[in-house]
């Protein structure tokens, strides 16, 4: 489903977010990292992506980086966790 949607619109933030979240929940952190990297390069102010990045970093054992990602998320106005 996401692959077809991204084939049509490869930079769509909500689709990249959803696929990265699914990869992360499935334990495929490498695939999640690729989507998060692409998402945040194309949409650096996309709040849900920054929030998910914090979860990814925590899953990778990078506690300090995860805390910093959450701080960056909270700096942006109107950010609510997805």
Protein backbone atom coordinates (compact mmCIF):
# COMPACT_ATOMS: atom_id res chain seq x y z
CA UNK A 1 0.00 0.00 0.00
CA UNK A 2 2.65 2.55 1.03
CA UNK A 3 5.00 1.50 -1.74
CA UNK A 4 2.35 2.21 -4.37
CA UNK A 5 1.48 5.56 -2.80
CA UNK A 6 5.15 6.54 -2.60
CA UNK A 7 5.71 5.49 -6.21
CA UNK A 8 3.16 8.13 -7.18
CA UNK A 9 4.22 10.78 -4.67
CA UNK A 10 7.63 9.82 -3.20
CA UNK A 11 7.96 12.78 -0.83
CA UNK A 12 4.51 12.67 0.77
CA UNK A 13 5.21 13.20 4.49
CA UNK A 14 2.27 11.34 6.02
CA UNK A 15 2.92 8.25 3.90
CA UNK A 16 6.63 8.25 4.69
CA UNK A 17 5.77 8.66 8.36
CA UNK A 18 3.27 5.80 8.34
CA UNK A 19 5.66 3.43 6.60
CA UNK A 20 8.56 4.36 8.91
CA UNK A 21 6.33 3.84 11.95
CA UNK A 22 5.25 0.43 10.65
CA UNK A 23 8.87 -0.58 10.04
CA UNK A 24 9.83 0.57 13.53
CA UNK A 25 6.99 -1.33 15.17
CA UNK A 26 7.92 -4.43 13.18
CA UNK A 27 11.51 -4.19 14.40
CA UNK A 28 12.96 -3.22 11.01
CA UNK A 29 14.91 -0.25 12.33
CA UNK A 30 17.12 -0.04 9.25
CA UNK A 31 14.13 0.48 6.94
CA UNK A 32 12.56 2.89 9.43
CA UNK A 33 15.80 4.91 9.48
CA UNK A 34 15.81 5.18 5.66
CA UNK A 35 12.24 6.51 5.60
CA UNK A 36 12.86 8.87 8.52
CA UNK A 37 15.99 10.22 6.87
CA UNK A 38 14.14 10.82 3.60
CA UNK A 39 11.15 12.34 5.41
CA UNK A 40 13.15 14.77 7.52
CA UNK A 41 15.40 15.82 4.63
CA UNK A 42 12.37 16.71 2.52
CA UNK A 43 10.24 18.03 5.40
CA UNK A 44 12.57 19.14 8.22
CA UNK A 45 9.75 20.83 10.17
CA UNK A 46 7.37 17.85 10.03
CA UNK A 47 6.64 17.39 13.72
CA UNK A 48 5.42 13.78 13.67
CA UNK A 49 8.65 12.79 11.92
CA UNK A 50 10.74 14.38 14.66
CA UNK A 51 8.64 12.62 17.28
CA UNK A 52 9.11 9.26 15.55
CA UNK A 53 12.83 9.96 15.20
CA UNK A 54 13.03 10.17 18.99
CA UNK A 55 11.37 6.74 19.26
CA UNK A 56 13.76 5.32 16.67
CA UNK A 57 16.80 6.69 18.50
CA UNK A 58 15.54 5.27 21.79
CA UNK A 59 15.02 1.87 20.14
CA UNK A 60 18.62 2.05 18.92
CA UNK A 61 19.84 2.70 22.47
CA UNK A 62 20.74 6.32 21.77
CA UNK A 63 19.08 7.83 24.84
CA UNK A 64 20.73 11.27 24.71
CA UNK A 65 20.02 11.67 21.00
CA UNK A 66 16.41 10.63 21.60
CA UNK A 67 16.05 13.27 24.31
CA UNK A 68 17.52 15.90 21.98
CA UNK A 69 15.10 14.88 19.21
CA UNK A 70 12.18 15.29 21.63
CA UNK A 71 13.48 18.72 22.62
CA UNK A 72 13.61 19.71 18.95
CA UNK A 73 10.08 18.41 18.50
CA UNK A 74 8.84 20.47 21.44
CA UNK A 75 10.46 23.67 20.14
CA UNK A 76 8.12 23.77 17.17
CA UNK A 77 4.71 25.36 17.71
CA UNK A 78 1.58 23.26 17.35
CA UNK A 79 3.30 19.91 17.62
CA UNK A 80 1.22 17.16 19.10
CA UNK A 81 2.50 13.61 19.31
CA UNK A 82 1.04 11.46 16.54
